[in-house]
Amino acid sequence: MKTIFRVGLLAFVLQACSSPPKPAEPTGQWMPVNQPLTQQAGRTDPK
């Protein structure tokens, strides 16, 4: 089960890196591994 999760996470990271960064949340595109939930929830972050 962990293998499937890792493959899915890896695919998500590759897709996020390959796609152009969105101006709304550039940090979420460049650092999806650090805190994806926090980055998506805090779009209005000063970062």
PDB file of N, CA and C in Angstrom:
ATOM      1  N   MET A   1       0.835  -1.208   0.000  1.00  0.00           N
ATOM      2  CA  MET A   1       0.000   0.000   0.000  1.00  0.00           C
ATOM      3  C   MET A   1       0.870   1.260   0.000  1.00  0.00           C
ATOM      4  N   LYS A   2       1.974   1.214   0.764  1.00  0.00           N
ATOM      5  CA  LYS A   2       2.848   2.392   0.822  1.00  0.00           C
ATOM      6  C   LYS A   2       3.471   2.671  -0.542  1.00  0.00           C
ATOM      7  N   THR A   3       3.725   1.599  -1.304  1.00  0.00           N
ATOM      8  CA  THR A   3       4.318   1.790  -2.629  1.00  0.00           C
ATOM      9  C   THR A   3       3.370   2.578  -3.525  1.00  0.00           C
ATOM     10  N   ILE A   4       2.092   2.224  -3.488  1.00  0.00           N
ATOM     11  CA  ILE A   4       1.101   2.927  -4.310  1.00  0.00           C
ATOM     12  C   ILE A   4       1.035   4.395  -3.908  1.00  0.00           C
ATOM     13  N   PHE A   5       1.076   4.640  -2.607  1.00  0.00           N
ATOM     14  CA  PHE A   5       1.018   6.026  -2.122  1.00  0.00           C
ATOM     15  C   PHE A   5       2.240   6.807  -2.588  1.00  0.00           C
ATOM     16  N   ARG A   6       3.401   6.160  -2.529  1.00  0.00           N
ATOM     17  CA  ARG A   6       4.639   6.838  -2.956  1.00  0.00           C
ATOM     18  C   ARG A   6       4.597   7.141  -4.445  1.00  0.00           C
ATOM     19  N   VAL A   7       4.108   6.196  -5.233  1.00  0.00           N
ATOM     20  CA  VAL A   7       4.020   6.410  -6.680  1.00  0.00           C
ATOM     21  C   VAL A   7       3.069   7.563  -6.985  1.00  0.00           C
ATOM     22  N   GLY A   8       1.946   7.599  -6.281  1.00  0.00           N
ATOM     23  CA  GLY A   8       0.977   8.677  -6.488  1.00  0.00           C
ATOM     24  C   GLY A   8       1.565  10.022  -6.093  1.00  0.00           C
ATOM     25  N   LEU A   9       2.263  10.038  -4.971  1.00  0.00           N
ATOM     26  CA  LEU A   9       2.879  11.283  -4.497  1.00  0.00           C
ATOM     27  C   LEU A   9       3.958  11.738  -5.474  1.00  0.00           C
ATOM     28  N   LEU A  10       4.751  10.795  -5.959  1.00  0.00           N
ATOM     29  CA  LEU A  10       5.814  11.131  -6.905  1.00  0.00           C
ATOM     30  C   LEU A  10       5.215  11.691  -8.196  1.00  0.00           C
ATOM     31  N   ALA A  11       4.144  11.057  -8.670  1.00  0.00           N
ATOM     32  CA  ALA A  11       3.484  11.530  -9.891  1.00  0.00           C
ATOM     33  C   ALA A  11       2.937  12.942  -9.688  1.00  0.00           C
ATOM     34  N   PHE A  12       2.378  13.188  -8.500  1.00  0.00           N
ATOM     35  CA  PHE A  12       1.830  14.522  -8.201  1.00  0.00           C
ATOM     36  C   PHE A  12       2.941  15.563  -8.194  1.00  0.00           C
ATOM     37  N   VAL A  13       4.073  15.202  -7.598  1.00  0.00           N
ATOM     38  CA  VAL A  13       5.205  16.135  -7.529  1.00  0.00           C
ATOM     39  C   VAL A  13       5.737  16.423  -8.926  1.00  0.00           C
ATOM     40  N   LEU A  14       5.878  15.388  -9.734  1.00  0.00           N
ATOM     41  CA  LEU A  14       6.387  15.573 -11.093  1.00  0.00           C
ATOM     42  C   LEU A  14       5.430  16.438 -11.903  1.00  0.00           C
ATOM     43  N   GLN A  15       4.134  16.196 -11.752  1.00  0.00           N
ATOM     44  CA  GLN A  15       3.137  16.984 -12.484  1.00  0.00           C
ATOM     45  C   GLN A  15       3.179  18.439 -12.044  1.00  0.00           C
ATOM     46  N   ALA A  16       3.338  18.656 -10.741  1.00  0.00           N
ATOM     47  CA  ALA A  16       3.377  20.027 -10.215  1.00  0.00           C
ATOM     48  C   ALA A  16       4.629  20.750 -10.713  1.00  0.00           C
ATOM     49  N   CYS A  17       5.737  20.030 -10.798  1.00  0.00           N
ATOM     50  CA  CYS A  17       6.989  20.657 -11.229  1.00  0.00           C
ATOM     51  C   CYS A  17       6.985  20.899 -12.734  1.00  0.00           C
ATOM     52  N   SER A  18       6.364  19.998 -13.486  1.00  0.00           N
ATOM     53  CA  SER A  18       6.371  20.123 -14.936  1.00  0.00           C
ATOM     54  C   SER A  18       5.425  21.226 -15.394  1.00  0.00           C
ATOM     55  N   SER A  19       4.310  21.398 -14.679  1.00  0.00           N
ATOM     56  CA  SER A  19       3.349  22.430 -15.064  1.00  0.00           C
ATOM     57  C   SER A  19       3.870  23.804 -14.658  1.00  0.00           C
ATOM     58  N   PRO A  20       3.538  24.834 -15.419  1.00  0.00           N
ATOM     59  CA  PRO A  20       3.999  26.195 -15.082  1.00  0.00           C
ATOM     60  C   PRO A  20       3.424  26.640 -13.751  1.00  0.00           C
ATOM     61  N   PRO A  21       4.215  27.314 -12.924  1.00  0.00           N
ATOM     62  CA  PRO A  21       3.755  27.754 -11.601  1.00  0.00           C
ATOM     63  C   PRO A  21       2.628  28.769 -11.706  1.00  0.00           C
ATOM     64  N   LYS A  22       1.588  28.561 -10.919  1.00  0.00           N
ATOM     65  CA  LYS A  22       0.454  29.492 -10.934  1.00  0.00           C
ATOM     66  C   LYS A  22       0.798  30.735 -10.112  1.00  0.00           C
ATOM     67  N   PRO A  23       0.427  31.900 -10.580  1.00  0.00           N
ATOM     68  CA  PRO A  23       0.717  33.141  -9.848  1.00  0.00           C
ATOM     69  C   PRO A  23      -0.031  33.214  -8.519  1.00  0.00           C
ATOM     70  N   ALA A  24      -1.136  32.469  -8.400  1.00  0.00           N
ATOM     71  CA  ALA A  24      -1.939  32.512  -7.178  1.00  0.00           C
ATOM     72  C   ALA A  24      -1.186  31.852  -6.027  1.00  0.00           C
ATOM     73  N   GLU A  25      -0.503  30.725  -6.312  1.00  0.00           N
ATOM     74  CA  GLU A  25       0.224  30.010  -5.259  1.00  0.00           C
ATOM     75  C   GLU A  25       1.503  29.398  -5.821  1.00  0.00           C
ATOM     76  N   PRO A  26       2.542  30.194  -6.066  1.00  0.00           N
ATOM     77  CA  PRO A  26       3.802  29.686  -6.612  1.00  0.00           C
ATOM     78  C   PRO A  26       4.523  28.767  -5.635  1.00  0.00           C
ATOM     79  N   THR A  27       4.385  29.024  -4.325  1.00  0.00           N
ATOM     80  CA  THR A  27       5.077  28.201  -3.335  1.00  0.00           C
ATOM     81  C   THR A  27       4.511  26.788  -3.348  1.00  0.00           C
ATOM     82  N   GLY A  28       3.212  26.659  -3.599  1.00  0.00           N
ATOM     83  CA  GLY A  28       2.586  25.337  -3.629  1.00  0.00           C
ATOM     84  C   GLY A  28       3.099  24.524  -4.810  1.00  0.00           C
ATOM     85  N   GLN A  29       3.456  25.217  -5.893  1.00  0.00           N
ATOM     86  CA  GLN A  29       3.945  24.525  -7.079  1.00  0.00           C
ATOM     87  C   GLN A  29       5.403  24.110  -6.918  1.00  0.00           C
ATOM     88  N   TRP A  30       6.194  24.963  -6.276  1.00  0.00           N
ATOM     89  CA  TRP A  30       7.628  24.682  -6.164  1.00  0.00           C
ATOM     90  C   TRP A  30       7.951  23.810  -4.964  1.00  0.00           C
ATOM     91  N   MET A  31       7.119  23.865  -3.904  1.00  0.00           N
ATOM     92  CA  MET A  31       7.395  23.062  -2.715  1.00  0.00           C
ATOM     93  C   MET A  31       6.168  22.258  -2.293  1.00  0.00           C
ATOM     94  N   PRO A  32       5.738  21.291  -3.142  1.00  0.00           N
ATOM     95  CA  PRO A  32       4.557  20.495  -2.805  1.00  0.00           C
ATOM     96  C   PRO A  32       4.847  19.445  -1.743  1.00  0.00           C
ATOM     97  N   VAL A  33       6.134  19.127  -1.536  1.00  0.00           N
ATOM     98  CA  VAL A  33       6.490  18.057  -0.606  1.00  0.00           C
ATOM     99  C   VAL A  33       6.524  18.566   0.836  1.00  0.00           C
ATOM    100  N   ASN A  34       6.887  19.828   1.019  1.00  0.00           N
ATOM    101  CA  ASN A  34       7.009  20.363   2.379  1.00  0.00           C
ATOM    102  C   ASN A  34       5.677  20.324   3.121  1.00  0.00           C
ATOM    103  N   GLN A  35       4.731  21.147   2.690  1.00  0.00           N
ATOM    104  CA  GLN A  35       3.422  21.194   3.348  1.00  0.00           C
ATOM    105  C   GLN A  35       2.344  21.489   2.315  1.00  0.00           C
ATOM    106  N   PRO A  36       1.924  20.462   1.570  1.00  0.00           N
ATOM    107  CA  PRO A  36       0.925  20.669   0.506  1.00  0.00           C
ATOM    108  C   PRO A  36      -0.396  21.201   1.056  1.00  0.00           C
ATOM    109  N   LEU A  37      -0.859  20.652   2.181  1.00  0.00           N
ATOM    110  CA  LEU A  37      -2.130  21.089   2.756  1.00  0.00           C
ATOM    111  C   LEU A  37      -2.038  22.538   3.212  1.00  0.00           C
ATOM    112  N   THR A  38      -0.950  22.876   3.872  1.00  0.00           N
ATOM    113  CA  THR A  38      -0.788  24.240   4.382  1.00  0.00           C
ATOM    114  C   THR A  38      -0.642  25.223   3.225  1.00  0.00           C
ATOM    115  N   GLN A  39       0.078  24.839   2.194  1.00  0.00           N
ATOM    116  CA  GLN A  39       0.288  25.744   1.064  1.00  0.00           C
ATOM    117  C   GLN A  39      -1.025  25.992   0.329  1.00  0.00           C
ATOM    118  N   GLN A  40      -1.820  24.938   0.125  1.00  0.00           N
ATOM    119  CA  GLN A  40      -3.086  25.089  -0.588  1.00  0.00           C
ATOM    120  C   GLN A  40      -4.081  25.885   0.246  1.00  0.00           C
ATOM    121  N   ALA A  41      -4.089  25.652   1.561  1.00  0.00           N
ATOM    122  CA  ALA A  41      -5.049  26.328   2.436  1.00  0.00           C
ATOM    123  C   ALA A  41      -4.669  27.796   2.600  1.00  0.00           C
ATOM    124  N   GLY A  42      -3.368  28.083   2.680  1.00  0.00           N
ATOM    125  CA  GLY A  42      -2.934  29.466   2.898  1.00  0.00           C
ATOM    126  C   GLY A  42      -2.489  30.118   1.607  1.00  0.00           C
ATOM    127  N   ARG A  43      -3.403  30.292   0.672  1.00  0.00           N
ATOM    128  CA  ARG A  43      -3.048  30.925  -0.602  1.00  0.00           C
ATOM    129  C   ARG A  43      -2.697  32.390  -0.393  1.00  0.00           C
ATOM    130  N   THR A  44      -3.267  33.008   0.638  1.00  0.00           N
ATOM    131  CA  THR A  44      -3.023  34.430   0.887  1.00  0.00           C
ATOM    132  C   THR A  44      -1.812  34.618   1.795  1.00  0.00           C
ATOM    133  N   ASP A  45      -0.936  33.621   1.851  1.00  0.00           N
ATOM    134  CA  ASP A  45       0.263  33.724   2.681  1.00  0.00           C
ATOM    135  C   ASP A  45       1.168  34.840   2.158  1.00  0.00           C
ATOM    136  N   PRO A  46       1.812  35.585   3.040  1.00  0.00           N
ATOM    137  CA  PRO A  46       2.721  36.658   2.604  1.00  0.00           C
ATOM    138  C   PRO A  46       3.903  36.130   1.806  1.00  0.00           C
ATOM    139  N   LYS A  47       4.203  34.829   1.964  1.00  0.00           N
ATOM    140  CA  LYS A  47       5.297  34.237   1.201  1.00  0.00           C
ATOM    141  C   LYS A  47       4.947  34.258  -0.289  1.00  0.00           C
TER     142      LYS A  47
END
